Amino acid sequence: MTVNIGLSSFFTPPKCYSVFMLLTIIIIVVVLLALSLKVVKEYDRGVIFFLGKCTGVRGPGLIVLIPVFERMTKVTLRTITMNIPSQKIITKDNVSIDIAAVAYYHITDPKKSVVAVENVYDAVNQISQTTVRNVVGRFQLDQLLSQTADINEQIKDVIDAHTNPGAPRSRLWKSRILPCRITCSVPWPRKPRPNASAAPRS
């Protein structure tokens, strides 16, 4: 009497093991799809990096990335309203005033705004503060009050020149500065106090 025992019976995986492997594969596929599919809105652009190297700009719409190997950094193209903190400035005629400004800008080159500068918002803010001090300091108080539109235009041109690579000198990134608005407050002159030591005449 002979008994034939096939080797396949010893290596047949149980059903629970097959289900576990199937669930693992499904979870891995879902995770990879979640990492690879990105949606970029109409007002955004995605700067793509493949293994640390910038390969271009994509969007808007659905973007497919290679999981693990590709990364995306979003950049908004909408106009950004930036408040320039109030700062004390001495005018050309030695009058101390408080200047507060508002700048409007939007990014026109998403790739350079990510690759060439660490933080675009901070960079534009610092340049704006320095430009406001330099430009306002060239005018007298009467000119600041009467020529506000011209001063705003000068501030816009200076900031725009620092961020525009099409200018004669090479620039770091590219953005567009829209018309700025500045407001100034001048302290009222204090009336001289009467001399308390002087006794009134009888």
N, C-alpha and C. Protein backbone atom coordinates (compact mmCIF):
# COMPACT_ATOMS: atom_id res chain seq x y z
N MET A 1 0.87 -1.20 0.00
CA MET A 1 0.00 0.00 0.00
C MET A 1 0.89 1.23 0.00
N THR A 2 0.66 2.11 -0.96
CA THR A 2 1.47 3.32 -1.09
C THR A 2 0.59 4.55 -0.90
N VAL A 3 1.18 5.56 -0.25
CA VAL A 3 0.47 6.83 0.00
C VAL A 3 1.23 7.94 -0.69
N ASN A 4 0.58 8.65 -1.60
CA ASN A 4 1.20 9.76 -2.32
C ASN A 4 0.81 11.08 -1.66
N ILE A 5 1.78 11.77 -1.15
CA ILE A 5 1.55 13.08 -0.51
C ILE A 5 2.27 14.14 -1.32
N GLY A 6 1.51 15.05 -1.91
CA GLY A 6 2.12 16.10 -2.72
C GLY A 6 2.76 17.18 -1.84
N LEU A 7 3.87 17.71 -2.36
CA LEU A 7 4.53 18.78 -1.60
C LEU A 7 3.73 20.06 -1.61
N SER A 8 2.85 20.21 -2.59
CA SER A 8 2.07 21.46 -2.67
C SER A 8 1.14 21.62 -1.50
N SER A 9 0.77 20.50 -0.88
CA SER A 9 -0.15 20.60 0.25
C SER A 9 0.52 21.25 1.46
N PHE A 10 1.85 21.14 1.54
CA PHE A 10 2.55 21.73 2.67
C PHE A 10 2.75 23.25 2.48
N PHE A 11 2.74 23.76 1.24
CA PHE A 11 3.04 25.16 0.96
C PHE A 11 1.79 25.96 0.55
N THR A 12 0.65 25.38 0.67
CA THR A 12 -0.58 26.09 0.34
C THR A 12 -0.90 27.07 1.47
N PRO A 13 -0.89 28.40 1.19
CA PRO A 13 -1.14 29.37 2.26
C PRO A 13 -2.59 29.33 2.70
N PRO A 14 -2.84 29.57 3.96
CA PRO A 14 -4.22 29.60 4.43
C PRO A 14 -4.98 30.78 3.85
N LYS A 15 -6.31 30.69 3.89
CA LYS A 15 -7.14 31.73 3.32
C LYS A 15 -6.97 33.06 4.05
N CYS A 16 -6.80 33.05 5.35
CA CYS A 16 -6.64 34.29 6.11
C CYS A 16 -5.38 35.03 5.69
N TYR A 17 -4.33 34.28 5.37
CA TYR A 17 -3.08 34.90 4.91
C TYR A 17 -3.28 35.57 3.56
N SER A 18 -4.02 34.96 2.68
CA SER A 18 -4.29 35.54 1.36
C SER A 18 -5.10 36.82 1.48
N VAL A 19 -6.07 36.82 2.36
CA VAL A 19 -6.89 38.02 2.58
C VAL A 19 -6.05 39.15 3.15
N PHE A 20 -5.15 38.79 4.09
CA PHE A 20 -4.28 39.81 4.67
C PHE A 20 -3.36 40.42 3.61
N MET A 21 -2.80 39.61 2.74
CA MET A 21 -1.94 40.13 1.68
C MET A 21 -2.72 41.02 0.72
N LEU A 22 -3.96 40.62 0.41
CA LEU A 22 -4.78 41.42 -0.49
C LEU A 22 -5.11 42.77 0.12
N LEU A 23 -5.44 42.79 1.40
CA LEU A 23 -5.72 44.06 2.06
C LEU A 23 -4.48 44.94 2.13
N THR A 24 -3.31 44.34 2.36
CA THR A 24 -2.07 45.11 2.40
C THR A 24 -1.78 45.77 1.06
N ILE A 25 -1.98 44.99 -0.01
CA ILE A 25 -1.75 45.55 -1.35
C ILE A 25 -2.72 46.69 -1.65
N ILE A 26 -3.97 46.52 -1.27
CA ILE A 26 -4.97 47.57 -1.50
C ILE A 26 -4.61 48.84 -0.74
N ILE A 27 -4.18 48.69 0.52
CA ILE A 27 -3.81 49.87 1.32
C ILE A 27 -2.61 50.58 0.71
N ILE A 28 -1.62 49.82 0.25
CA ILE A 28 -0.44 50.43 -0.37
C ILE A 28 -0.82 51.19 -1.64
N VAL A 29 -1.70 50.60 -2.45
CA VAL A 29 -2.14 51.26 -3.68
C VAL A 29 -2.89 52.55 -3.37
N VAL A 30 -3.75 52.51 -2.36
CA VAL A 30 -4.52 53.71 -1.98
C VAL A 30 -3.59 54.82 -1.48
N VAL A 31 -2.60 54.45 -0.67
CA VAL A 31 -1.65 55.44 -0.15
C VAL A 31 -0.84 56.06 -1.29
N LEU A 32 -0.39 55.23 -2.22
CA LEU A 32 0.39 55.74 -3.35
C LEU A 32 -0.45 56.67 -4.23
N LEU A 33 -1.70 56.33 -4.42
CA LEU A 33 -2.59 57.21 -5.20
C LEU A 33 -2.81 58.53 -4.49
N ALA A 34 -2.97 58.47 -3.16
CA ALA A 34 -3.17 59.70 -2.40
C ALA A 34 -1.93 60.60 -2.45
N LEU A 35 -0.74 59.99 -2.49
CA LEU A 35 0.49 60.77 -2.57
C LEU A 35 0.76 61.29 -3.98
N SER A 36 0.26 60.63 -4.98
CA SER A 36 0.58 60.99 -6.36
C SER A 36 -0.43 61.95 -6.98
N LEU A 37 -1.66 61.95 -6.53
CA LEU A 37 -2.69 62.80 -7.11
C LEU A 37 -2.83 64.09 -6.30
N LYS A 38 -2.63 65.21 -6.95
CA LYS A 38 -2.77 66.51 -6.31
C LYS A 38 -3.67 67.39 -7.18
N VAL A 39 -4.44 68.23 -6.52
CA VAL A 39 -5.32 69.17 -7.22
C VAL A 39 -4.81 70.58 -6.97
N VAL A 40 -4.51 71.27 -8.05
CA VAL A 40 -4.03 72.66 -7.97
C VAL A 40 -5.16 73.56 -8.46
N LYS A 41 -5.50 74.55 -7.64
CA LYS A 41 -6.61 75.44 -7.97
C LYS A 41 -6.21 76.43 -9.06
N GLU A 42 -7.22 77.11 -9.58
CA GLU A 42 -7.00 78.02 -10.70
C GLU A 42 -6.01 79.14 -10.37
N TYR A 43 -6.03 79.62 -9.13
CA TYR A 43 -5.18 80.74 -8.74
C TYR A 43 -3.85 80.29 -8.15
N ASP A 44 -3.55 78.98 -8.20
CA ASP A 44 -2.29 78.46 -7.68
C ASP A 44 -1.49 77.80 -8.80
N ARG A 45 -0.19 77.63 -8.53
CA ARG A 45 0.67 76.85 -9.40
C ARG A 45 1.53 75.95 -8.53
N GLY A 46 1.90 74.80 -9.09
CA GLY A 46 2.72 73.85 -8.34
C GLY A 46 4.12 73.77 -8.92
N VAL A 47 5.12 74.06 -8.08
CA VAL A 47 6.52 73.94 -8.48
C VAL A 47 6.98 72.53 -8.12
N ILE A 48 7.40 71.76 -9.13
CA ILE A 48 7.69 70.35 -8.95
C ILE A 48 9.19 70.14 -8.75
N PHE A 49 9.54 69.30 -7.76
CA PHE A 49 10.93 68.92 -7.49
C PHE A 49 11.04 67.40 -7.61
N PHE A 50 11.96 66.95 -8.46
CA PHE A 50 12.23 65.52 -8.62
C PHE A 50 13.60 65.22 -8.01
N LEU A 51 13.57 64.51 -6.88
CA LEU A 51 14.79 64.20 -6.13
C LEU A 51 15.59 65.47 -5.82
N GLY A 52 14.88 66.52 -5.45
CA GLY A 52 15.52 67.77 -5.06
C GLY A 52 15.78 68.73 -6.19
N LYS A 53 15.57 68.32 -7.44
CA LYS A 53 15.83 69.18 -8.59
C LYS A 53 14.52 69.71 -9.14
N CYS A 54 14.47 71.02 -9.36
CA CYS A 54 13.26 71.64 -9.88
C CYS A 54 13.10 71.27 -11.36
N THR A 55 11.96 70.70 -11.68
CA THR A 55 11.70 70.24 -13.05
C THR A 55 10.68 71.09 -13.79
N GLY A 56 10.02 72.02 -13.10
CA GLY A 56 9.06 72.86 -13.81
C GLY A 56 7.88 73.24 -12.95
N VAL A 57 6.91 73.86 -13.61
CA VAL A 57 5.70 74.34 -12.95
C VAL A 57 4.50 73.68 -13.60
N ARG A 58 3.57 73.20 -12.78
CA ARG A 58 2.37 72.54 -13.29
C ARG A 58 1.12 73.20 -12.69
N GLY A 59 0.02 72.98 -13.39
CA GLY A 59 -1.26 73.47 -12.91
C GLY A 59 -1.83 74.53 -13.83
N PRO A 60 -3.11 74.84 -13.60
CA PRO A 60 -4.02 74.28 -12.60
C PRO A 60 -4.65 72.96 -13.07
N GLY A 61 -5.34 72.30 -12.14
CA GLY A 61 -6.00 71.05 -12.45
C GLY A 61 -5.43 69.89 -11.66
N LEU A 62 -5.67 68.70 -12.18
CA LEU A 62 -5.18 67.48 -11.53
C LEU A 62 -3.75 67.20 -11.95
N ILE A 63 -2.89 66.96 -10.97
CA ILE A 63 -1.48 66.70 -11.21
C ILE A 63 -1.13 65.33 -10.66
N VAL A 64 -0.41 64.55 -11.46
CA VAL A 64 0.04 63.22 -11.04
C VAL A 64 1.53 63.29 -10.73
N LEU A 65 1.89 62.96 -9.51
CA LEU A 65 3.28 62.96 -9.07
C LEU A 65 3.78 61.54 -8.90
N ILE A 66 5.07 61.38 -9.04
CA ILE A 66 5.69 60.08 -8.77
C ILE A 66 5.89 59.98 -7.26
N PRO A 67 5.22 59.07 -6.59
CA PRO A 67 5.34 59.00 -5.13
C PRO A 67 6.79 58.82 -4.68
N VAL A 68 7.11 59.48 -3.58
CA VAL A 68 8.41 59.43 -2.92
C VAL A 68 9.46 60.24 -3.68
N PHE A 69 9.43 60.22 -5.00
CA PHE A 69 10.48 60.87 -5.79
C PHE A 69 10.16 62.34 -6.10
N GLU A 70 8.91 62.68 -6.20
CA GLU A 70 8.53 64.04 -6.58
C GLU A 70 7.82 64.73 -5.43
N ARG A 71 8.10 66.03 -5.28
CA ARG A 71 7.45 66.87 -4.29
C ARG A 71 6.95 68.13 -4.97
N MET A 72 5.89 68.70 -4.44
CA MET A 72 5.30 69.89 -5.03
C MET A 72 5.16 70.99 -3.98
N THR A 73 5.51 72.22 -4.38
CA THR A 73 5.33 73.40 -3.54
C THR A 73 4.35 74.33 -4.23
N LYS A 74 3.28 74.67 -3.53
CA LYS A 74 2.25 75.53 -4.12
C LYS A 74 2.62 77.00 -3.97
N VAL A 75 2.32 77.76 -5.01
CA VAL A 75 2.54 79.21 -5.02
C VAL A 75 1.27 79.86 -5.49
N THR A 76 0.79 80.85 -4.75
CA THR A 76 -0.43 81.54 -5.14
C THR A 76 -0.12 82.68 -6.09
N LEU A 77 -1.00 82.87 -7.06
CA LEU A 77 -0.86 83.96 -8.03
C LEU A 77 -1.81 85.11 -7.73
N ARG A 78 -2.56 85.00 -6.66
CA ARG A 78 -3.50 86.07 -6.31
C ARG A 78 -2.76 87.28 -5.75
N THR A 79 -3.43 88.41 -5.80
CA THR A 79 -2.86 89.64 -5.25
C THR A 79 -2.82 89.54 -3.73
N ILE A 80 -1.67 89.82 -3.16
CA ILE A 80 -1.47 89.75 -1.71
C ILE A 80 -1.42 91.15 -1.15
N THR A 81 -2.20 91.39 -0.12
CA THR A 81 -2.21 92.68 0.57
C THR A 81 -1.24 92.60 1.74
N MET A 82 -0.24 93.45 1.73
CA MET A 82 0.81 93.42 2.75
C MET A 82 0.84 94.75 3.50
N ASN A 83 0.62 94.69 4.78
CA ASN A 83 0.69 95.88 5.62
C ASN A 83 2.15 96.14 6.02
N ILE A 84 2.60 97.35 5.73
CA ILE A 84 3.95 97.76 6.13
C ILE A 84 3.83 98.43 7.49
N PRO A 85 4.48 97.91 8.52
CA PRO A 85 4.32 98.47 9.87
C PRO A 85 4.66 99.95 9.92
N SER A 86 3.99 100.63 10.83
CA SER A 86 4.25 102.06 11.03
C SER A 86 5.68 102.27 11.54
N GLN A 87 6.34 103.24 10.97
CA GLN A 87 7.71 103.53 11.36
C GLN A 87 7.95 105.04 11.35
N LYS A 88 8.82 105.46 12.24
CA LYS A 88 9.15 106.88 12.34
C LYS A 88 10.21 107.23 11.30
N ILE A 89 9.92 108.30 10.54
CA ILE A 89 10.81 108.75 9.47
C ILE A 89 11.02 110.25 9.62
N ILE A 90 12.25 110.68 9.40
CA ILE A 90 12.58 112.10 9.45
C ILE A 90 12.60 112.63 8.01
N THR A 91 11.79 113.62 7.75
CA THR A 91 11.71 114.19 6.41
C THR A 91 12.94 115.05 6.11
N LYS A 92 12.95 115.59 4.90
CA LYS A 92 14.09 116.39 4.47
C LYS A 92 14.23 117.67 5.28
N ASP A 93 13.10 118.19 5.78
CA ASP A 93 13.14 119.40 6.59
C ASP A 93 13.14 119.09 8.08
N ASN A 94 13.63 117.89 8.45
CA ASN A 94 13.85 117.48 9.85
C ASN A 94 12.56 117.47 10.67
N VAL A 95 11.50 116.91 10.09
CA VAL A 95 10.25 116.72 10.81
C VAL A 95 10.04 115.22 11.01
N SER A 96 9.81 114.80 12.24
CA SER A 96 9.60 113.39 12.54
C SER A 96 8.13 113.04 12.35
N ILE A 97 7.86 112.06 11.50
CA ILE A 97 6.48 111.66 11.22
C ILE A 97 6.39 110.15 11.30
N ASP A 98 5.17 109.67 11.48
CA ASP A 98 4.89 108.24 11.48
C ASP A 98 4.28 107.86 10.11
N ILE A 99 4.89 106.90 9.47
CA ILE A 99 4.44 106.47 8.15
C ILE A 99 3.95 105.03 8.23
N ALA A 100 2.73 104.80 7.75
CA ALA A 100 2.18 103.45 7.59
C ALA A 100 1.80 103.28 6.13
N ALA A 101 2.09 102.11 5.59
CA ALA A 101 1.86 101.89 4.16
C ALA A 101 1.24 100.52 3.94
N VAL A 102 0.61 100.40 2.79
CA VAL A 102 0.03 99.13 2.35
C VAL A 102 0.52 98.87 0.94
N ALA A 103 1.07 97.68 0.70
CA ALA A 103 1.57 97.30 -0.63
C ALA A 103 0.77 96.12 -1.15
N TYR A 104 0.51 96.13 -2.42
CA TYR A 104 -0.20 95.04 -3.08
C TYR A 104 0.73 94.44 -4.14
N TYR A 105 0.90 93.13 -4.11
CA TYR A 105 1.77 92.50 -5.09
C TYR A 105 1.27 91.09 -5.40
N HIS A 106 1.69 90.57 -6.53
CA HIS A 106 1.41 89.18 -6.87
C HIS A 106 2.60 88.58 -7.61
N ILE A 107 2.76 87.28 -7.47
CA ILE A 107 3.89 86.58 -8.06
C ILE A 107 3.62 86.33 -9.54
N THR A 108 4.61 86.61 -10.37
CA THR A 108 4.50 86.37 -11.80
C THR A 108 5.41 85.25 -12.28
N ASP A 109 6.35 84.83 -11.45
CA ASP A 109 7.23 83.71 -11.80
C ASP A 109 7.28 82.75 -10.61
N PRO A 110 6.38 81.76 -10.58
CA PRO A 110 6.33 80.86 -9.42
C PRO A 110 7.63 80.10 -9.17
N LYS A 111 8.32 79.71 -10.24
CA LYS A 111 9.54 78.92 -10.08
C LYS A 111 10.62 79.71 -9.35
N LYS A 112 10.88 80.95 -9.79
CA LYS A 112 11.92 81.75 -9.15
C LYS A 112 11.51 82.19 -7.75
N SER A 113 10.22 82.35 -7.51
CA SER A 113 9.79 82.76 -6.18
C SER A 113 10.04 81.68 -5.14
N VAL A 114 10.18 80.42 -5.58
CA VAL A 114 10.47 79.31 -4.66
C VAL A 114 11.96 79.00 -4.63
N VAL A 115 12.60 78.98 -5.80
CA VAL A 115 13.99 78.56 -5.89
C VAL A 115 14.96 79.67 -5.49
N ALA A 116 14.67 80.91 -5.88
CA ALA A 116 15.64 81.99 -5.72
C ALA A 116 15.57 82.69 -4.38
N VAL A 117 14.45 82.61 -3.67
CA VAL A 117 14.32 83.32 -2.40
C VAL A 117 13.63 82.41 -1.40
N GLU A 118 14.04 82.51 -0.14
CA GLU A 118 13.51 81.59 0.87
C GLU A 118 12.07 81.90 1.21
N ASN A 119 11.74 83.16 1.42
CA ASN A 119 10.39 83.55 1.78
C ASN A 119 10.05 84.85 1.05
N VAL A 120 9.19 84.75 0.05
CA VAL A 120 8.87 85.91 -0.78
C VAL A 120 8.19 86.99 0.04
N TYR A 121 7.27 86.61 0.92
CA TYR A 121 6.53 87.61 1.69
C TYR A 121 7.46 88.43 2.57
N ASP A 122 8.36 87.76 3.29
CA ASP A 122 9.29 88.48 4.15
C ASP A 122 10.24 89.35 3.32
N ALA A 123 10.67 88.84 2.17
CA ALA A 123 11.59 89.62 1.33
C ALA A 123 10.93 90.90 0.83
N VAL A 124 9.71 90.79 0.32
CA VAL A 124 9.00 91.98 -0.16
C VAL A 124 8.71 92.94 0.98
N ASN A 125 8.39 92.40 2.15
CA ASN A 125 8.10 93.25 3.30
C ASN A 125 9.32 94.04 3.72
N GLN A 126 10.49 93.39 3.78
CA GLN A 126 11.71 94.09 4.18
C GLN A 126 12.12 95.14 3.14
N ILE A 127 12.01 94.78 1.87
CA ILE A 127 12.34 95.75 0.82
C ILE A 127 11.39 96.93 0.86
N SER A 128 10.13 96.67 1.13
CA SER A 128 9.13 97.75 1.18
C SER A 128 9.42 98.71 2.32
N GLN A 129 9.75 98.19 3.49
CA GLN A 129 10.05 99.06 4.62
C GLN A 129 11.27 99.94 4.33
N THR A 130 12.32 99.33 3.78
CA THR A 130 13.51 100.11 3.46
C THR A 130 13.22 101.15 2.39
N THR A 131 12.44 100.79 1.39
CA THR A 131 12.13 101.72 0.31
C THR A 131 11.29 102.89 0.81
N VAL A 132 10.33 102.62 1.67
CA VAL A 132 9.50 103.70 2.21
C VAL A 132 10.36 104.70 2.97
N ARG A 133 11.29 104.20 3.80
CA ARG A 133 12.17 105.11 4.55
C ARG A 133 13.03 105.94 3.60
N ASN A 134 13.61 105.30 2.59
CA ASN A 134 14.51 106.03 1.70
C ASN A 134 13.78 107.05 0.84
N VAL A 135 12.63 106.69 0.32
CA VAL A 135 11.90 107.60 -0.57
C VAL A 135 11.28 108.75 0.20
N VAL A 136 10.64 108.44 1.32
CA VAL A 136 9.98 109.50 2.09
C VAL A 136 10.99 110.47 2.66
N GLY A 137 12.18 109.98 3.01
CA GLY A 137 13.20 110.86 3.57
C GLY A 137 13.74 111.89 2.59
N ARG A 138 13.43 111.76 1.32
CA ARG A 138 13.90 112.72 0.33
C ARG A 138 12.98 113.94 0.18
N PHE A 139 11.80 113.88 0.78
CA PHE A 139 10.80 114.94 0.59
C PHE A 139 10.61 115.73 1.88
N GLN A 140 10.13 116.94 1.69
CA GLN A 140 9.74 117.76 2.82
C GLN A 140 8.30 117.42 3.22
N LEU A 141 7.92 117.93 4.38
CA LEU A 141 6.59 117.59 4.90
C LEU A 141 5.48 118.10 3.98
N ASP A 142 5.62 119.30 3.48
CA ASP A 142 4.59 119.84 2.59
C ASP A 142 4.46 119.00 1.32
N GLN A 143 5.57 118.51 0.81
CA GLN A 143 5.53 117.68 -0.38
C GLN A 143 4.87 116.33 -0.11
N LEU A 144 5.10 115.77 1.09
CA LEU A 144 4.46 114.50 1.44
C LEU A 144 2.95 114.63 1.47
N LEU A 145 2.47 115.77 1.96
CA LEU A 145 1.03 115.96 2.07
C LEU A 145 0.37 116.29 0.75
N SER A 146 1.10 116.91 -0.17
CA SER A 146 0.52 117.36 -1.43
C SER A 146 0.84 116.45 -2.61
N GLN A 147 1.89 115.63 -2.51
CA GLN A 147 2.31 114.80 -3.63
C GLN A 147 2.29 113.31 -3.25
N THR A 148 1.25 112.90 -2.55
CA THR A 148 1.18 111.52 -2.09
C THR A 148 1.13 110.53 -3.25
N ALA A 149 0.38 110.86 -4.29
CA ALA A 149 0.26 109.94 -5.43
C ALA A 149 1.61 109.73 -6.12
N ASP A 150 2.36 110.81 -6.29
CA ASP A 150 3.67 110.68 -6.94
C ASP A 150 4.64 109.87 -6.07
N ILE A 151 4.58 110.09 -4.76
CA ILE A 151 5.46 109.34 -3.86
C ILE A 151 5.11 107.86 -3.87
N ASN A 152 3.81 107.55 -3.89
CA ASN A 152 3.39 106.15 -3.98
C ASN A 152 3.92 105.50 -5.25
N GLU A 153 3.89 106.23 -6.35
CA GLU A 153 4.37 105.68 -7.61
C GLU A 153 5.88 105.44 -7.56
N GLN A 154 6.62 106.34 -6.93
CA GLN A 154 8.06 106.14 -6.81
C GLN A 154 8.38 104.91 -5.96
N ILE A 155 7.66 104.75 -4.86
CA ILE A 155 7.87 103.57 -4.00
C ILE A 155 7.57 102.30 -4.78
N LYS A 156 6.49 102.30 -5.55
CA LYS A 156 6.14 101.13 -6.34
C LYS A 156 7.23 100.80 -7.36
N ASP A 157 7.75 101.82 -8.03
CA ASP A 157 8.78 101.58 -9.05
C ASP A 157 10.06 101.01 -8.44
N VAL A 158 10.44 101.52 -7.28
CA VAL A 158 11.68 101.04 -6.64
C VAL A 158 11.53 99.58 -6.21
N ILE A 159 10.41 99.25 -5.57
CA ILE A 159 10.20 97.86 -5.12
C ILE A 159 10.08 96.93 -6.32
N ASP A 160 9.38 97.40 -7.35
CA ASP A 160 9.20 96.57 -8.53
C ASP A 160 10.53 96.31 -9.24
N ALA A 161 11.42 97.30 -9.21
CA ALA A 161 12.72 97.13 -9.85
C ALA A 161 13.57 96.09 -9.13
N HIS A 162 13.42 95.98 -7.81
CA HIS A 162 14.21 95.02 -7.04
C HIS A 162 13.73 93.59 -7.26
N THR A 163 12.51 93.41 -7.73
CA THR A 163 11.96 92.06 -7.88
C THR A 163 11.71 91.69 -9.33
N ASN A 164 12.17 92.52 -10.26
CA ASN A 164 11.91 92.27 -11.68
C ASN A 164 13.19 91.85 -12.37
N PRO A 165 13.29 90.61 -12.83
CA PRO A 165 14.53 90.17 -13.47
C PRO A 165 14.75 90.81 -14.83
N GLY A 166 13.76 91.51 -15.38
CA GLY A 166 13.94 92.17 -16.66
C GLY A 166 14.64 93.50 -16.56
N ALA A 167 14.94 93.93 -15.33
CA ALA A 167 15.62 95.20 -15.13
C ALA A 167 17.08 95.06 -15.58
N PRO A 168 17.80 96.20 -15.72
CA PRO A 168 19.20 96.11 -16.16
C PRO A 168 20.06 95.22 -15.29
N ARG A 169 19.87 95.28 -13.98
CA ARG A 169 20.64 94.40 -13.10
C ARG A 169 19.86 93.12 -12.84
N SER A 170 20.58 92.06 -12.59
CA SER A 170 19.92 90.78 -12.36
C SER A 170 19.19 90.81 -11.02
N ARG A 171 17.99 90.21 -11.00
CA ARG A 171 17.17 90.18 -9.79
C ARG A 171 17.01 88.74 -9.32
N LEU A 172 16.56 88.60 -8.10
CA LEU A 172 16.45 87.27 -7.52
C LEU A 172 15.17 86.57 -7.94
N TRP A 173 14.08 87.26 -7.96
CA TRP A 173 12.80 86.65 -8.30
C TRP A 173 11.98 87.68 -9.03
N LYS A 174 10.76 87.34 -9.35
CA LYS A 174 9.93 88.25 -10.13
C LYS A 174 8.56 88.36 -9.49
N SER A 175 8.16 89.57 -9.20
CA SER A 175 6.82 89.85 -8.71
C SER A 175 6.40 91.19 -9.28
N ARG A 176 5.15 91.49 -9.14
CA ARG A 176 4.61 92.73 -9.66
C ARG A 176 4.01 93.52 -8.51
N ILE A 177 4.53 94.72 -8.29
CA ILE A 177 4.04 95.57 -7.21
C ILE A 177 2.96 96.48 -7.78
N LEU A 178 1.78 96.38 -7.22
CA LEU A 178 0.69 97.25 -7.62
C LEU A 178 0.80 98.57 -6.87
N PRO A 179 0.01 99.59 -7.23
CA PRO A 179 0.13 100.89 -6.56
C PRO A 179 0.06 100.79 -5.04
N CYS A 180 1.02 101.44 -4.38
CA CYS A 180 1.07 101.43 -2.92
C CYS A 180 0.22 102.57 -2.37
N ARG A 181 -0.01 102.53 -1.08
CA ARG A 181 -0.73 103.60 -0.40
C ARG A 181 -0.05 103.88 0.92
N ILE A 182 0.30 105.13 1.16
CA ILE A 182 0.94 105.49 2.42
C ILE A 182 0.09 106.53 3.13
N THR A 183 0.13 106.48 4.42
CA THR A 183 -0.53 107.48 5.26
C THR A 183 0.47 107.95 6.29
N CYS A 184 0.43 109.23 6.59
CA CYS A 184 1.38 109.78 7.56
C CYS A 184 0.62 110.56 8.61
N SER A 185 1.15 110.54 9.79
CA SER A 185 0.59 111.30 10.90
C SER A 185 1.68 112.18 11.47
N VAL A 186 1.35 113.45 11.61
CA VAL A 186 2.32 114.43 12.09
C VAL A 186 1.88 114.89 13.48
N PRO A 187 2.74 114.81 14.48
CA PRO A 187 2.36 115.28 15.81
C PRO A 187 2.14 116.79 15.82
N TRP A 188 1.06 117.18 16.48
CA TRP A 188 0.77 118.61 16.57
C TRP A 188 1.81 119.30 17.43
N PRO A 189 2.25 120.48 17.04
CA PRO A 189 3.25 121.18 17.86
C PRO A 189 2.65 121.58 19.20
N ARG A 190 3.39 121.34 20.23
CA ARG A 190 2.92 121.66 21.57
C ARG A 190 3.09 123.16 21.85
N LYS A 191 2.10 123.70 22.50
CA LYS A 191 2.19 125.11 22.87
C LYS A 191 3.17 125.27 24.03
N PRO A 192 3.98 126.30 23.98
CA PRO A 192 4.94 126.49 25.08
C PRO A 192 4.21 126.77 26.39
N ARG A 193 4.63 126.10 27.42
CA ARG A 193 4.05 126.31 28.75
C ARG A 193 4.53 127.64 29.34
N PRO A 194 3.64 128.29 30.04
CA PRO A 194 4.08 129.55 30.70
C PRO A 194 5.10 129.26 31.78
N ASN A 195 6.02 130.18 31.92
CA ASN A 195 7.07 130.00 32.92
C ASN A 195 6.47 130.17 34.31
N ALA A 196 6.50 129.07 35.06
CA ALA A 196 5.90 129.08 36.38
C ALA A 196 6.71 129.92 37.37
N SER A 197 8.00 130.06 37.09
CA SER A 197 8.83 130.82 38.02
C SER A 197 8.57 132.32 37.94
N ALA A 198 8.06 132.74 36.78
CA ALA A 198 7.81 134.18 36.63
C ALA A 198 6.53 134.55 37.35
N ALA A 199 6.62 135.39 38.34
CA ALA A 199 5.45 135.81 39.15
C ALA A 199 4.69 136.87 38.38
N PRO A 200 3.37 136.82 38.41
CA PRO A 200 2.58 137.85 37.72
C PRO A 200 2.78 139.22 38.38
N ARG A 201 2.82 140.20 37.51
CA ARG A 201 2.98 141.56 38.01
C ARG A 201 1.65 142.09 38.56
N SER A 202 1.77 142.83 39.67
CA SER A 202 0.57 143.41 40.28
C SER A 202 0.25 144.76 39.64
